[in-house]
Amino acid sequence: MGQIAAKEYVEQRDGGYYLAGSRVSLDPVVYAFLRGESPEAIADSFPAVTIEQVFGAIAYFLEKRDAIEAYLRDGRTEFARVREDSRRRHPALYAKLEAARRAASDPAA
């Protein structure tokens, strides 16, 4: 009997992890899985990927959990750094955004 070649469901490119052959990042798939969403619900959220790709991505995450969790932590840290830098560089914009957010959440305004 011949061997069956393993199919790759996740690829590394552009500094991140993506479902192979797609533009869908592994990040939201993993976060949805960790929130308890089913693979079917995750696949429904991303019409560009198949249920097979979602199961493959989850299996990849589980196999390489430590490395992927470190990658996700690094991403959150970098996002926080960029956000704070942007707030320092554009205080007037963020003041307007905060005022709009307050006005939208206060029905009496």
PDB file of N, CA and C in Angstrom:
ATOM      1  N   MET A   1       0.825  -1.182   0.000  1.00  0.00           N
ATOM      2  CA  MET A   1       0.000   0.000   0.000  1.00  0.00           C
ATOM      3  C   MET A   1       0.875   1.253   0.000  1.00  0.00           C
ATOM      4  N   GLY A   2       0.548   2.231  -0.832  1.00  0.00           N
ATOM      5  CA  GLY A   2       1.326   3.461  -0.913  1.00  0.00           C
ATOM      6  C   GLY A   2       1.031   4.389   0.250  1.00  0.00           C
ATOM      7  N   GLN A   3       1.972   5.274   0.478  1.00  0.00           N
ATOM      8  CA  GLN A   3       1.781   6.256   1.547  1.00  0.00           C
ATOM      9  C   GLN A   3       0.917   7.412   1.059  1.00  0.00           C
ATOM     10  N   ILE A   4       0.165   7.952   1.972  1.00  0.00           N
ATOM     11  CA  ILE A   4      -0.656   9.126   1.672  1.00  0.00           C
ATOM     12  C   ILE A   4       0.134  10.346   2.121  1.00  0.00           C
ATOM     13  N   ALA A   5       0.288  11.314   1.241  1.00  0.00           N
ATOM     14  CA  ALA A   5       1.021  12.526   1.572  1.00  0.00           C
ATOM     15  C   ALA A   5       0.194  13.374   2.534  1.00  0.00           C
ATOM     16  N   ALA A   6       0.858  13.903   3.544  1.00  0.00           N
ATOM     17  CA  ALA A   6       0.180  14.777   4.500  1.00  0.00           C
ATOM     18  C   ALA A   6      -0.149  16.103   3.815  1.00  0.00           C
ATOM     19  N   LYS A   7      -1.326  16.595   4.067  1.00  0.00           N
ATOM     20  CA  LYS A   7      -1.754  17.866   3.488  1.00  0.00           C
ATOM     21  C   LYS A   7      -1.423  18.977   4.475  1.00  0.00           C
ATOM     22  N   GLU A   8      -0.886  20.051   3.965  1.00  0.00           N
ATOM     23  CA  GLU A   8      -0.573  21.208   4.794  1.00  0.00           C
ATOM     24  C   GLU A   8      -1.788  22.135   4.839  1.00  0.00           C
ATOM     25  N   TYR A   9      -2.218  22.472   6.035  1.00  0.00           N
ATOM     26  CA  TYR A   9      -3.380  23.349   6.197  1.00  0.00           C
ATOM     27  C   TYR A   9      -3.010  24.764   6.620  1.00  0.00           C
ATOM     28  N   VAL A  10      -1.795  24.946   7.103  1.00  0.00           N
ATOM     29  CA  VAL A  10      -1.347  26.261   7.564  1.00  0.00           C
ATOM     30  C   VAL A  10       0.023  26.522   6.955  1.00  0.00           C
ATOM     31  N   GLU A  11       0.213  27.772   6.531  1.00  0.00           N
ATOM     32  CA  GLU A  11       1.520  28.160   5.996  1.00  0.00           C
ATOM     33  C   GLU A  11       1.964  29.465   6.646  1.00  0.00           C
ATOM     34  N   GLN A  12       3.269  29.601   6.776  1.00  0.00           N
ATOM     35  CA  GLN A  12       3.827  30.837   7.307  1.00  0.00           C
ATOM     36  C   GLN A  12       4.224  31.712   6.132  1.00  0.00           C
ATOM     37  N   ARG A  13       3.773  32.964   6.155  1.00  0.00           N
ATOM     38  CA  ARG A  13       4.175  33.932   5.142  1.00  0.00           C
ATOM     39  C   ARG A  13       3.906  35.340   5.664  1.00  0.00           C
ATOM     40  N   ASP A  14       4.636  36.284   5.145  1.00  0.00           N
ATOM     41  CA  ASP A  14       4.457  37.697   5.511  1.00  0.00           C
ATOM     42  C   ASP A  14       4.487  37.903   7.026  1.00  0.00           C
ATOM     43  N   GLY A  15       5.278  37.118   7.729  1.00  0.00           N
ATOM     44  CA  GLY A  15       5.407  37.275   9.169  1.00  0.00           C
ATOM     45  C   GLY A  15       4.259  36.707   9.985  1.00  0.00           C
ATOM     46  N   GLY A  16       3.357  35.977   9.346  1.00  0.00           N
ATOM     47  CA  GLY A  16       2.219  35.426  10.075  1.00  0.00           C
ATOM     48  C   GLY A  16       1.890  34.021   9.620  1.00  0.00           C
ATOM     49  N   TYR A  17       0.830  33.497  10.170  1.00  0.00           N
ATOM     50  CA  TYR A  17       0.332  32.168   9.821  1.00  0.00           C
ATOM     51  C   TYR A  17      -1.009  32.328   9.107  1.00  0.00           C
ATOM     52  N   TYR A  18      -1.187  31.584   8.018  1.00  0.00           N
ATOM     53  CA  TYR A  18      -2.408  31.669   7.223  1.00  0.00           C
ATOM     54  C   TYR A  18      -2.909  30.271   6.877  1.00  0.00           C
ATOM     55  N   LEU A  19      -4.204  30.150   6.714  1.00  0.00           N
ATOM     56  CA  LEU A  19      -4.741  28.898   6.203  1.00  0.00           C
ATOM     57  C   LEU A  19      -4.222  28.757   4.783  1.00  0.00           C
ATOM     58  N   ALA A  20      -3.628  27.631   4.499  1.00  0.00           N
ATOM     59  CA  ALA A  20      -2.932  27.420   3.227  1.00  0.00           C
ATOM     60  C   ALA A  20      -3.841  27.731   2.047  1.00  0.00           C
ATOM     61  N   GLY A  21      -3.273  28.469   1.091  1.00  0.00           N
ATOM     62  CA  GLY A  21      -4.000  28.802  -0.119  1.00  0.00           C
ATOM     63  C   GLY A  21      -5.063  29.861   0.049  1.00  0.00           C
ATOM     64  N   SER A  22      -5.047  30.560   1.184  1.00  0.00           N
ATOM     65  CA  SER A  22      -6.063  31.584   1.416  1.00  0.00           C
ATOM     66  C   SER A  22      -5.427  32.841   2.002  1.00  0.00           C
ATOM     67  N   ARG A  23      -6.248  33.867   2.141  1.00  0.00           N
ATOM     68  CA  ARG A  23      -5.809  35.101   2.803  1.00  0.00           C
ATOM     69  C   ARG A  23      -6.314  35.151   4.235  1.00  0.00           C
ATOM     70  N   VAL A  24      -6.857  34.045   4.723  1.00  0.00           N
ATOM     71  CA  VAL A  24      -7.402  33.992   6.084  1.00  0.00           C
ATOM     72  C   VAL A  24      -6.279  33.690   7.057  1.00  0.00           C
ATOM     73  N   SER A  25      -6.095  34.590   8.011  1.00  0.00           N
ATOM     74  CA  SER A  25      -5.075  34.421   9.037  1.00  0.00           C
ATOM     75  C   SER A  25      -5.494  33.327  10.019  1.00  0.00           C
ATOM     76  N   LEU A  26      -4.516  32.639  10.571  1.00  0.00           N
ATOM     77  CA  LEU A  26      -4.785  31.625  11.591  1.00  0.00           C
ATOM     78  C   LEU A  26      -5.332  32.261  12.871  1.00  0.00           C
ATOM     79  N   ASP A  27      -4.957  33.497  13.144  1.00  0.00           N
ATOM     80  CA  ASP A  27      -5.315  34.164  14.396  1.00  0.00           C
ATOM     81  C   ASP A  27      -6.807  34.101  14.727  1.00  0.00           C
ATOM     82  N   PRO A  28      -7.704  34.598  13.849  1.00  0.00           N
ATOM     83  CA  PRO A  28      -9.122  34.588  14.226  1.00  0.00           C
ATOM     84  C   PRO A  28      -9.702  33.175  14.341  1.00  0.00           C
ATOM     85  N   VAL A  29      -9.138  32.236  13.603  1.00  0.00           N
ATOM     86  CA  VAL A  29      -9.597  30.852  13.706  1.00  0.00           C
ATOM     87  C   VAL A  29      -9.269  30.311  15.093  1.00  0.00           C
ATOM     88  N   VAL A  30      -8.048  30.559  15.551  1.00  0.00           N
ATOM     89  CA  VAL A  30      -7.636  30.096  16.878  1.00  0.00           C
ATOM     90  C   VAL A  30      -8.444  30.793  17.968  1.00  0.00           C
ATOM     91  N   TYR A  31      -8.605  32.112  17.861  1.00  0.00           N
ATOM     92  CA  TYR A  31      -9.378  32.828  18.882  1.00  0.00           C
ATOM     93  C   TYR A  31     -10.822  32.318  18.940  1.00  0.00           C
ATOM     94  N   ALA A  32     -11.415  32.059  17.799  1.00  0.00           N
ATOM     95  CA  ALA A  32     -12.788  31.526  17.782  1.00  0.00           C
ATOM     96  C   ALA A  32     -12.832  30.145  18.425  1.00  0.00           C
ATOM     97  N   PHE A  33     -11.860  29.310  18.115  1.00  0.00           N
ATOM     98  CA  PHE A  33     -11.780  27.969  18.711  1.00  0.00           C
ATOM     99  C   PHE A  33     -11.633  28.070  20.234  1.00  0.00           C
ATOM    100  N   LEU A  34     -10.777  28.976  20.691  1.00  0.00           N
ATOM    101  CA  LEU A  34     -10.566  29.140  22.135  1.00  0.00           C
ATOM    102  C   LEU A  34     -11.798  29.700  22.841  1.00  0.00           C
ATOM    103  N   ARG A  35     -12.639  30.447  22.102  1.00  0.00           N
ATOM    104  CA  ARG A  35     -13.907  30.943  22.669  1.00  0.00           C
ATOM    105  C   ARG A  35     -14.966  29.850  22.712  1.00  0.00           C
ATOM    106  N   GLY A  36     -14.652  28.692  22.134  1.00  0.00           N
ATOM    107  CA  GLY A  36     -15.593  27.583  22.166  1.00  0.00           C
ATOM    108  C   GLY A  36     -16.459  27.446  20.938  1.00  0.00           C
ATOM    109  N   GLU A  37     -16.174  28.221  19.888  1.00  0.00           N
ATOM    110  CA  GLU A  37     -16.955  28.092  18.657  1.00  0.00           C
ATOM    111  C   GLU A  37     -16.641  26.759  17.984  1.00  0.00           C
ATOM    112  N   SER A  38     -17.629  26.188  17.359  1.00  0.00           N
ATOM    113  CA  SER A  38     -17.439  24.912  16.660  1.00  0.00           C
ATOM    114  C   SER A  38     -16.693  25.157  15.344  1.00  0.00           C
ATOM    115  N   PRO A  39     -16.011  24.143  14.844  1.00  0.00           N
ATOM    116  CA  PRO A  39     -15.364  24.291  13.531  1.00  0.00           C
ATOM    117  C   PRO A  39     -16.361  24.688  12.435  1.00  0.00           C
ATOM    118  N   GLU A  40     -17.578  24.183  12.509  1.00  0.00           N
ATOM    119  CA  GLU A  40     -18.597  24.534  11.523  1.00  0.00           C
ATOM    120  C   GLU A  40     -18.932  26.027  11.589  1.00  0.00           C
ATOM    121  N   ALA A  41     -19.089  26.554  12.799  1.00  0.00           N
ATOM    122  CA  ALA A  41     -19.386  27.980  12.962  1.00  0.00           C
ATOM    123  C   ALA A  41     -18.214  28.831  12.487  1.00  0.00           C
ATOM    124  N   ILE A  42     -17.001  28.373  12.765  1.00  0.00           N
ATOM    125  CA  ILE A  42     -15.821  29.106  12.300  1.00  0.00           C
ATOM    126  C   ILE A  42     -15.787  29.121  10.781  1.00  0.00           C
ATOM    127  N   ALA A  43     -16.033  27.985  10.158  1.00  0.00           N
ATOM    128  CA  ALA A  43     -16.041  27.908   8.691  1.00  0.00           C
ATOM    129  C   ALA A  43     -17.114  28.819   8.108  1.00  0.00           C
ATOM    130  N   ASP A  44     -18.270  28.899   8.767  1.00  0.00           N
ATOM    131  CA  ASP A  44     -19.344  29.789   8.297  1.00  0.00           C
ATOM    132  C   ASP A  44     -18.910  31.250   8.337  1.00  0.00           C
ATOM    133  N   SER A  45     -18.003  31.592   9.261  1.00  0.00           N
ATOM    134  CA  SER A  45     -17.520  32.966   9.380  1.00  0.00           C
ATOM    135  C   SER A  45     -16.539  33.345   8.284  1.00  0.00           C
ATOM    136  N   PHE A  46     -15.971  32.337   7.638  1.00  0.00           N
ATOM    137  CA  PHE A  46     -14.957  32.573   6.608  1.00  0.00           C
ATOM    138  C   PHE A  46     -15.328  31.810   5.341  1.00  0.00           C
ATOM    139  N   PRO A  47     -16.171  32.385   4.496  1.00  0.00           N
ATOM    140  CA  PRO A  47     -16.629  31.683   3.293  1.00  0.00           C
ATOM    141  C   PRO A  47     -15.497  31.275   2.344  1.00  0.00           C
ATOM    142  N   ALA A  48     -14.327  31.894   2.486  1.00  0.00           N
ATOM    143  CA  ALA A  48     -13.212  31.590   1.587  1.00  0.00           C
ATOM    144  C   ALA A  48     -12.496  30.284   1.945  1.00  0.00           C
ATOM    145  N   VAL A  49     -12.843  29.674   3.084  1.00  0.00           N
ATOM    146  CA  VAL A  49     -12.177  28.431   3.484  1.00  0.00           C
ATOM    147  C   VAL A  49     -13.201  27.325   3.693  1.00  0.00           C
ATOM    148  N   THR A  50     -12.724  26.105   3.641  1.00  0.00           N
ATOM    149  CA  THR A  50     -13.590  24.940   3.809  1.00  0.00           C
ATOM    150  C   THR A  50     -13.557  24.451   5.253  1.00  0.00           C
ATOM    151  N   ILE A  51     -14.521  23.629   5.592  1.00  0.00           N
ATOM    152  CA  ILE A  51     -14.545  23.025   6.920  1.00  0.00           C
ATOM    153  C   ILE A  51     -13.282  22.186   7.127  1.00  0.00           C
ATOM    154  N   GLU A  52     -12.819  21.532   6.081  1.00  0.00           N
ATOM    155  CA  GLU A  52     -11.587  20.739   6.169  1.00  0.00           C
ATOM    156  C   GLU A  52     -10.403  21.629   6.546  1.00  0.00           C
ATOM    157  N   GLN A  53     -10.310  22.813   5.939  1.00  0.00           N
ATOM    158  CA  GLN A  53      -9.228  23.732   6.263  1.00  0.00           C
ATOM    159  C   GLN A  53      -9.306  24.183   7.722  1.00  0.00           C
ATOM    160  N   VAL A  54     -10.518  24.413   8.212  1.00  0.00           N
ATOM    161  CA  VAL A  54     -10.679  24.836   9.601  1.00  0.00           C
ATOM    162  C   VAL A  54     -10.239  23.723  10.547  1.00  0.00           C
ATOM    163  N   PHE A  55     -10.687  22.498  10.300  1.00  0.00           N
ATOM    164  CA  PHE A  55     -10.242  21.381  11.133  1.00  0.00           C
ATOM    165  C   PHE A  55      -8.722  21.231  11.065  1.00  0.00           C
ATOM    166  N   GLY A  56      -8.149  21.380   9.869  1.00  0.00           N
ATOM    167  CA  GLY A  56      -6.701  21.285   9.724  1.00  0.00           C
ATOM    168  C   GLY A  56      -5.981  22.377  10.498  1.00  0.00           C
ATOM    169  N   ALA A  57      -6.525  23.593  10.453  1.00  0.00           N
ATOM    170  CA  ALA A  57      -5.924  24.710  11.184  1.00  0.00           C
ATOM    171  C   ALA A  57      -5.991  24.480  12.686  1.00  0.00           C
ATOM    172  N   ILE A  58      -7.100  23.954  13.172  1.00  0.00           N
ATOM    173  CA  ILE A  58      -7.238  23.666  14.603  1.00  0.00           C
ATOM    174  C   ILE A  58      -6.246  22.568  15.009  1.00  0.00           C
ATOM    175  N   ALA A  59      -6.123  21.537  14.179  1.00  0.00           N
ATOM    176  CA  ALA A  59      -5.159  20.468  14.468  1.00  0.00           C
ATOM    177  C   ALA A  59      -3.738  21.034  14.493  1.00  0.00           C
ATOM    178  N   TYR A  60      -3.428  21.926  13.565  1.00  0.00           N
ATOM    179  CA  TYR A  60      -2.110  22.566  13.527  1.00  0.00           C
ATOM    180  C   TYR A  60      -1.867  23.343  14.816  1.00  0.00           C
ATOM    181  N   PHE A  61      -2.859  24.136  15.231  1.00  0.00           N
ATOM    182  CA  PHE A  61      -2.744  24.895  16.476  1.00  0.00           C
ATOM    183  C   PHE A  61      -2.496  23.964  17.663  1.00  0.00           C
ATOM    184  N   LEU A  62      -3.269  22.895  17.758  1.00  0.00           N
ATOM    185  CA  LEU A  62      -3.124  21.975  18.886  1.00  0.00           C
ATOM    186  C   LEU A  62      -1.758  21.297  18.886  1.00  0.00           C
ATOM    187  N   GLU A  63      -1.252  20.996  17.711  1.00  0.00           N
ATOM    188  CA  GLU A  63       0.065  20.358  17.607  1.00  0.00           C
ATOM    189  C   GLU A  63       1.186  21.312  18.002  1.00  0.00           C
ATOM    190  N   LYS A  64       1.035  22.581  17.651  1.00  0.00           N
ATOM    191  CA  LYS A  64       2.088  23.579  17.878  1.00  0.00           C
ATOM    192  C   LYS A  64       1.615  24.667  18.840  1.00  0.00           C
ATOM    193  N   ARG A  65       0.839  24.273  19.814  1.00  0.00           N
ATOM    194  CA  ARG A  65       0.161  25.219  20.699  1.00  0.00           C
ATOM    195  C   ARG A  65       1.097  26.233  21.352  1.00  0.00           C
ATOM    196  N   ASP A  66       2.207  25.779  21.912  1.00  0.00           N
ATOM    197  CA  ASP A  66       3.116  26.710  22.591  1.00  0.00           C
ATOM    198  C   ASP A  66       3.639  27.785  21.638  1.00  0.00           C
ATOM    199  N   ALA A  67       4.066  27.371  20.449  1.00  0.00           N
ATOM    200  CA  ALA A  67       4.608  28.326  19.481  1.00  0.00           C
ATOM    201  C   ALA A  67       3.531  29.291  18.989  1.00  0.00           C
ATOM    202  N   ILE A  68       2.332  28.796  18.728  1.00  0.00           N
ATOM    203  CA  ILE A  68       1.259  29.661  18.231  1.00  0.00           C
ATOM    204  C   ILE A  68       0.789  30.614  19.319  1.00  0.00           C
ATOM    205  N   GLU A  69       0.694  30.141  20.561  1.00  0.00           N
ATOM    206  CA  GLU A  69       0.308  31.051  21.646  1.00  0.00           C
ATOM    207  C   GLU A  69       1.350  32.143  21.845  1.00  0.00           C
ATOM    208  N   ALA A  70       2.634  31.820  21.707  1.00  0.00           N
ATOM    209  CA  ALA A  70       3.688  32.838  21.806  1.00  0.00           C
ATOM    210  C   ALA A  70       3.556  33.844  20.660  1.00  0.00           C
ATOM    211  N   TYR A  71       3.284  33.347  19.463  1.00  0.00           N
ATOM    212  CA  TYR A  71       3.076  34.216  18.301  1.00  0.00           C
ATOM    213  C   TYR A  71       1.893  35.156  18.536  1.00  0.00           C
ATOM    214  N   LEU A  72       0.785  34.641  19.070  1.00  0.00           N
ATOM    215  CA  LEU A  72      -0.393  35.469  19.335  1.00  0.00           C
ATOM    216  C   LEU A  72      -0.099  36.505  20.417  1.00  0.00           C
ATOM    217  N   ARG A  73       0.629  36.114  21.462  1.00  0.00           N
ATOM    218  CA  ARG A  73       1.016  37.072  22.518  1.00  0.00           C
ATOM    219  C   ARG A  73       1.859  38.194  21.926  1.00  0.00           C
ATOM    220  N   ASP A  74       2.828  37.823  21.085  1.00  0.00           N
ATOM    221  CA  ASP A  74       3.675  38.832  20.444  1.00  0.00           C
ATOM    222  C   ASP A  74       2.836  39.787  19.595  1.00  0.00           C
ATOM    223  N   GLY A  75       1.847  39.255  18.905  1.00  0.00           N
ATOM    224  CA  GLY A  75       0.965  40.092  18.089  1.00  0.00           C
ATOM    225  C   GLY A  75       0.160  41.070  18.926  1.00  0.00           C
ATOM    226  N   ARG A  76      -0.347  40.598  20.064  1.00  0.00           N
ATOM    227  CA  ARG A  76      -1.108  41.495  20.946  1.00  0.00           C
ATOM    228  C   ARG A  76      -0.205  42.586  21.513  1.00  0.00           C
ATOM    229  N   THR A  77       1.021  42.227  21.871  1.00  0.00           N
ATOM    230  CA  THR A  77       1.973  43.204  22.402  1.00  0.00           C
ATOM    231  C   THR A  77       2.309  44.253  21.350  1.00  0.00           C
ATOM    232  N   GLU A  78       2.559  43.817  20.126  1.00  0.00           N
ATOM    233  CA  GLU A  78       2.877  44.747  19.040  1.00  0.00           C
ATOM    234  C   GLU A  78       1.688  45.654  18.743  1.00  0.00           C
ATOM    235  N   PHE A  79       0.473  45.107  18.739  1.00  0.00           N
ATOM    236  CA  PHE A  79      -0.713  45.921  18.504  1.00  0.00           C
ATOM    237  C   PHE A  79      -0.845  47.005  19.578  1.00  0.00           C
ATOM    238  N   ALA A  80      -0.631  46.645  20.841  1.00  0.00           N
ATOM    239  CA  ALA A  80      -0.729  47.618  21.937  1.00  0.00           C
ATOM    240  C   ALA A  80       0.322  48.713  21.771  1.00  0.00           C
ATOM    241  N   ARG A  81       1.525  48.336  21.359  1.00  0.00           N
ATOM    242  CA  ARG A  81       2.589  49.311  21.166  1.00  0.00           C
ATOM    243  C   ARG A  81       2.223  50.282  20.040  1.00  0.00           C
ATOM    244  N   VAL A  82       1.741  49.771  18.926  1.00  0.00           N
ATOM    245  CA  VAL A  82       1.368  50.608  17.785  1.00  0.00           C
ATOM    246  C   VAL A  82       0.199  51.518  18.155  1.00  0.00           C
ATOM    247  N   ARG A  83      -0.784  50.976  18.894  1.00  0.00           N
ATOM    248  CA  ARG A  83      -1.934  51.781  19.311  1.00  0.00           C
ATOM    249  C   ARG A  83      -1.494  52.939  20.194  1.00  0.00           C
ATOM    250  N   GLU A  84      -0.638  52.670  21.164  1.00  0.00           N
ATOM    251  CA  GLU A  84      -0.172  53.736  22.061  1.00  0.00           C
ATOM    252  C   GLU A  84       0.660  54.767  21.312  1.00  0.00           C
ATOM    253  N   ASP A  85       1.482  54.317  20.385  1.00  0.00           N
ATOM    254  CA  ASP A  85       2.267  55.240  19.571  1.00  0.00           C
ATOM    255  C   ASP A  85       1.340  56.141  18.759  1.00  0.00           C
ATOM    256  N   SER A  86       0.309  55.568  18.191  1.00  0.00           N
ATOM    257  CA  SER A  86      -0.651  56.338  17.406  1.00  0.00           C
ATOM    258  C   SER A  86      -1.386  57.352  18.279  1.00  0.00           C
ATOM    259  N   ARG A  87      -1.755  56.944  19.481  1.00  0.00           N
ATOM    260  CA  ARG A  87      -2.438  57.875  20.399  1.00  0.00           C
ATOM    261  C   ARG A  87      -1.544  59.068  20.744  1.00  0.00           C
ATOM    262  N   ARG A  88      -0.251  58.807  20.929  1.00  0.00           N
ATOM    263  CA  ARG A  88       0.682  59.898  21.238  1.00  0.00           C
ATOM    264  C   ARG A  88       0.873  60.824  20.041  1.00  0.00           C
ATOM    265  N   ARG A  89       0.898  60.253  18.846  1.00  0.00           N
ATOM    266  CA  ARG A  89       1.165  61.039  17.651  1.00  0.00           C
ATOM    267  C   ARG A  89      -0.061  61.798  17.148  1.00  0.00           C
ATOM    268  N   HIS A  90      -1.266  61.347  17.500  1.00  0.00           N
ATOM    269  CA  HIS A  90      -2.506  61.957  16.985  1.00  0.00           C
ATOM    270  C   HIS A  90      -3.521  62.178  18.108  1.00  0.00           C
ATOM    271  N   PRO A  91      -3.157  62.964  19.118  1.00  0.00           N
ATOM    272  CA  PRO A  91      -4.062  63.135  20.266  1.00  0.00           C
ATOM    273  C   PRO A  91      -5.405  63.777  19.905  1.00  0.00           C
ATOM    274  N   ALA A  92      -5.413  64.711  18.958  1.00  0.00           N
ATOM    275  CA  ALA A  92      -6.675  65.376  18.589  1.00  0.00           C
ATOM    276  C   ALA A  92      -7.650  64.373  17.975  1.00  0.00           C
ATOM    277  N   LEU A  93      -7.162  63.497  17.128  1.00  0.00           N
ATOM    278  CA  LEU A  93      -8.015  62.482  16.519  1.00  0.00           C
ATOM    279  C   LEU A  93      -8.629  61.580  17.589  1.00  0.00           C
ATOM    280  N   TYR A  94      -7.807  61.129  18.515  1.00  0.00           N
ATOM    281  CA  TYR A  94      -8.319  60.225  19.555  1.00  0.00           C
ATOM    282  C   TYR A  94      -9.266  60.947  20.505  1.00  0.00           C
ATOM    283  N   ALA A  95      -9.067  62.232  20.722  1.00  0.00           N
ATOM    284  CA  ALA A  95     -10.006  63.009  21.541  1.00  0.00           C
ATOM    285  C   ALA A  95     -11.369  63.077  20.841  1.00  0.00           C
ATOM    286  N   LYS A  96     -11.363  63.293  19.536  1.00  0.00           N
ATOM    287  CA  LYS A  96     -12.619  63.324  18.779  1.00  0.00           C
ATOM    288  C   LYS A  96     -13.301  61.957  18.803  1.00  0.00           C
ATOM    289  N   LEU A  97     -12.524  60.910  18.626  1.00  0.00           N
ATOM    290  CA  LEU A  97     -13.095  59.554  18.667  1.00  0.00           C
ATOM    291  C   LEU A  97     -13.714  59.251  20.027  1.00  0.00           C
ATOM    292  N   GLU A  98     -13.029  59.634  21.086  1.00  0.00           N
ATOM    293  CA  GLU A  98     -13.556  59.393  22.434  1.00  0.00           C
ATOM    294  C   GLU A  98     -14.830  60.202  22.668  1.00  0.00           C
ATOM    295  N   ALA A  99     -14.865  61.443  22.208  1.00  0.00           N
ATOM    296  CA  ALA A  99     -16.069  62.267  22.348  1.00  0.00           C
ATOM    297  C   ALA A  99     -17.229  61.645  21.580  1.00  0.00           C
ATOM    298  N   ALA A 100     -16.971  61.158  20.380  1.00  0.00           N
ATOM    299  CA  ALA A 100     -18.022  60.512  19.588  1.00  0.00           C
ATOM    300  C   ALA A 100     -18.493  59.224  20.263  1.00  0.00           C
ATOM    301  N   ARG A 101     -17.570  58.473  20.838  1.00  0.00           N
ATOM    302  CA  ARG A 101     -17.937  57.239  21.539  1.00  0.00           C
ATOM    303  C   ARG A 101     -18.829  57.546  22.740  1.00  0.00           C
ATOM    304  N   ARG A 102     -18.475  58.586  23.504  1.00  0.00           N
ATOM    305  CA  ARG A 102     -19.291  58.975  24.665  1.00  0.00           C
ATOM    306  C   ARG A 102     -20.673  59.439  24.230  1.00  0.00           C
ATOM    307  N   ALA A 103     -20.727  60.230  23.165  1.00  0.00           N
ATOM    308  CA  ALA A 103     -22.004  60.737  22.678  1.00  0.00           C
ATOM    309  C   ALA A 103     -22.892  59.590  22.186  1.00  0.00           C
ATOM    310  N   ALA A 104     -22.305  58.602  21.550  1.00  0.00           N
ATOM    311  CA  ALA A 104     -23.072  57.473  21.040  1.00  0.00           C
ATOM    312  C   ALA A 104     -23.602  56.584  22.158  1.00  0.00           C
ATOM    313  N   SER A 105     -22.890  56.535  23.270  1.00  0.00           N
ATOM    314  CA  SER A 105     -23.333  55.673  24.371  1.00  0.00           C
ATOM    315  C   SER A 105     -24.246  56.391  25.360  1.00  0.00           C
ATOM    316  N   ASP A 106     -24.408  57.725  25.213  1.00  0.00           N
ATOM    317  CA  ASP A 106     -25.281  58.492  26.098  1.00  0.00           C
ATOM    318  C   ASP A 106     -26.511  58.958  25.329  1.00  0.00           C
ATOM    319  N   PRO A 107     -27.634  58.255  25.474  1.00  0.00           N
ATOM    320  CA  PRO A 107     -28.832  58.611  24.699  1.00  0.00           C
ATOM    321  C   PRO A 107     -29.384  60.006  25.036  1.00  0.00           C
ATOM    322  N   ALA A 108     -29.025  60.567  26.196  1.00  0.00           N
ATOM    323  CA  ALA A 108     -29.540  61.887  26.586  1.00  0.00           C
ATOM    324  C   ALA A 108     -28.758  63.014  25.914  1.00  0.00           C
ATOM    325  N   ALA A 109     -27.640  62.677  25.307  1.00  0.00           N
ATOM    326  CA  ALA A 109     -26.783  63.712  24.708  1.00  0.00           C
ATOM    327  C   ALA A 109     -27.343  64.268  23.436  1.00  0.00           C
TER     328      ALA A 109
END
